[in-house]
């Protein structure tokens, strides 16, 4: 049941993104806007929602499959980037670094700190 509630949370933020983007003429996709709003929700709340964590955990295993259509679509418009490969590579590199840095920052901010005497090898995720 937690997975269903978490999935409804995720779909709710996607729906809010679908409403906010055309309303404010944002230059982002609705899904990116929904994820940014979800991130803001986590920051303001100060902790993760266990339902969202339960729903998103199985999606991480499917991440490559979810990203693949967009990656394949690039090959159909590759001729439009003929003279701009340096900018594309720079944007991909910078985007990747910012993504990793923001994920690390959020993880350190939202995950509880371990006890000082606790052995890191015994850490387990609680359901």
Protein backbone atom coordinates (compact mmCIF):
# COMPACT_ATOMS: atom_id res chain seq x y z
CA UNK A 1 0.00 0.00 0.00
CA UNK A 2 2.93 2.36 0.68
CA UNK A 3 4.08 1.93 -2.92
CA UNK A 4 0.67 2.97 -4.21
CA UNK A 5 0.56 6.04 -1.97
CA UNK A 6 4.10 6.95 -3.04
CA UNK A 7 3.24 6.51 -6.71
CA UNK A 8 0.23 8.79 -6.20
CA UNK A 9 2.54 11.37 -4.62
CA UNK A 10 4.86 11.16 -7.63
CA UNK A 11 1.95 11.46 -10.06
CA UNK A 12 0.61 14.39 -8.03
CA UNK A 13 3.86 16.29 -8.43
CA UNK A 14 3.87 15.45 -12.15
CA UNK A 15 0.32 16.79 -12.41
CA UNK A 16 1.31 19.98 -10.59
CA UNK A 17 4.18 20.34 -13.06
CA UNK A 18 1.73 19.89 -15.94
CA UNK A 19 -0.36 22.73 -14.53
CA UNK A 20 2.47 25.08 -13.53
CA UNK A 21 4.46 24.97 -16.80
CA UNK A 22 1.78 26.38 -19.13
CA UNK A 23 0.42 28.67 -16.40
CA UNK A 24 3.75 30.47 -15.90
CA UNK A 25 5.22 29.84 -19.40
CA UNK A 26 8.21 28.01 -17.94
CA UNK A 27 10.92 26.80 -20.32
CA UNK A 28 11.10 23.38 -18.62
CA UNK A 29 9.19 20.20 -19.24
CA UNK A 30 6.38 19.37 -16.85
CA UNK A 31 8.21 16.32 -15.51
CA UNK A 32 11.34 18.34 -14.69
CA UNK A 33 9.20 21.00 -13.03
CA UNK A 34 7.40 18.31 -11.01
CA UNK A 35 10.73 16.86 -9.88
CA UNK A 36 11.99 20.31 -8.91
CA UNK A 37 8.83 20.86 -6.88
CA UNK A 38 9.27 17.43 -5.28
CA UNK A 39 12.85 18.36 -4.38
CA UNK A 40 11.64 21.64 -2.90
CA UNK A 41 9.02 19.68 -0.94
CA UNK A 42 11.74 17.44 0.51
CA UNK A 43 13.94 20.42 1.38
CA UNK A 44 11.14 22.28 3.13
CA UNK A 45 9.99 19.15 4.95
CA UNK A 46 13.53 18.25 5.99
CA UNK A 47 13.07 14.51 5.54
CA UNK A 48 12.08 11.92 3.00
CA UNK A 49 8.55 10.64 2.69
CA UNK A 50 8.63 6.86 3.27
CA UNK A 51 5.79 6.28 0.80
CA UNK A 52 7.65 8.12 -1.97
CA UNK A 53 10.83 6.22 -1.10
CA UNK A 54 8.97 2.90 -1.32
CA UNK A 55 7.52 3.79 -4.73
CA UNK A 56 10.71 5.23 -6.19
CA UNK A 57 13.02 2.39 -5.14
CA UNK A 58 11.78 -0.06 -7.82
CA UNK A 59 11.85 2.74 -10.41
CA UNK A 60 15.60 3.18 -9.91
CA UNK A 61 16.14 -0.28 -11.38
CA UNK A 62 14.18 0.79 -14.46
CA UNK A 63 15.99 4.12 -14.83
CA UNK A 64 18.05 3.06 -17.83
CA UNK A 65 14.92 1.90 -19.62
CA UNK A 66 13.12 5.17 -18.79
CA UNK A 67 15.98 7.29 -20.15
CA UNK A 68 16.62 5.21 -23.26
CA UNK A 69 13.90 6.70 -25.55
CA UNK A 70 15.31 10.20 -25.11
CA UNK A 71 18.85 9.00 -25.76
CA UNK A 72 17.79 7.18 -28.91
CA UNK A 73 15.84 10.23 -30.08
CA UNK A 74 19.07 12.25 -30.17
CA UNK A 75 20.30 10.14 -33.09
CA UNK A 76 17.37 11.30 -35.21
CA UNK A 77 18.33 14.96 -34.79
CA UNK A 78 22.11 14.51 -34.74
CA UNK A 79 22.56 16.35 -38.05
CA UNK A 80 21.15 19.50 -36.41
CA UNK A 81 24.07 19.50 -33.95
CA UNK A 82 26.74 19.17 -36.66
CA UNK A 83 28.63 22.35 -35.77
CA UNK A 84 27.78 22.46 -32.09
CA UNK A 85 29.32 19.32 -30.63
CA UNK A 86 31.64 21.23 -28.30
CA UNK A 87 28.66 23.05 -26.76
CA UNK A 88 26.70 19.79 -26.49
CA UNK A 89 29.60 17.98 -24.78
CA UNK A 90 30.14 20.96 -22.46
CA UNK A 91 26.45 21.09 -21.53
CA UNK A 92 26.33 17.33 -20.90
CA UNK A 93 29.47 17.46 -18.75
CA UNK A 94 28.30 20.46 -16.74
CA UNK A 95 24.80 19.01 -16.37
CA UNK A 96 26.18 15.70 -15.15
CA UNK A 97 28.46 17.38 -12.60
CA UNK A 98 25.65 19.61 -11.32
CA UNK A 99 23.32 16.62 -11.08
CA UNK A 100 25.82 14.60 -9.07
CA UNK A 101 26.65 17.56 -6.81
CA UNK A 102 23.01 18.39 -6.12
CA UNK A 103 22.19 14.73 -5.44
CA UNK A 104 25.08 14.49 -2.97
CA UNK A 105 24.02 17.73 -1.28
CA UNK A 106 20.41 16.57 -0.95
CA UNK A 107 21.45 13.15 0.30
CA UNK A 108 23.69 14.64 2.98
CA UNK A 109 21.00 17.13 3.97
CA UNK A 110 18.02 14.77 4.11
CA UNK A 111 19.50 11.49 5.35
CA UNK A 112 19.93 11.10 9.10
CA UNK A 113 23.49 11.15 10.37
CA UNK A 114 24.82 7.79 11.63
CA UNK A 115 25.76 7.32 15.25
CA UNK A 116 29.48 8.08 15.80
CA UNK A 117 30.21 4.62 17.23
CA UNK A 118 28.26 2.72 14.58
CA UNK A 119 30.10 0.53 12.08
CA UNK A 120 29.33 1.70 8.48
CA UNK A 121 29.43 -1.90 7.25
CA UNK A 122 26.34 -2.68 9.32
CA UNK A 123 24.21 0.15 7.93
CA UNK A 124 20.96 -1.04 6.49
CA UNK A 125 18.08 0.77 4.93
CA UNK A 126 14.94 0.54 7.01
CA UNK A 127 11.74 -0.21 5.08
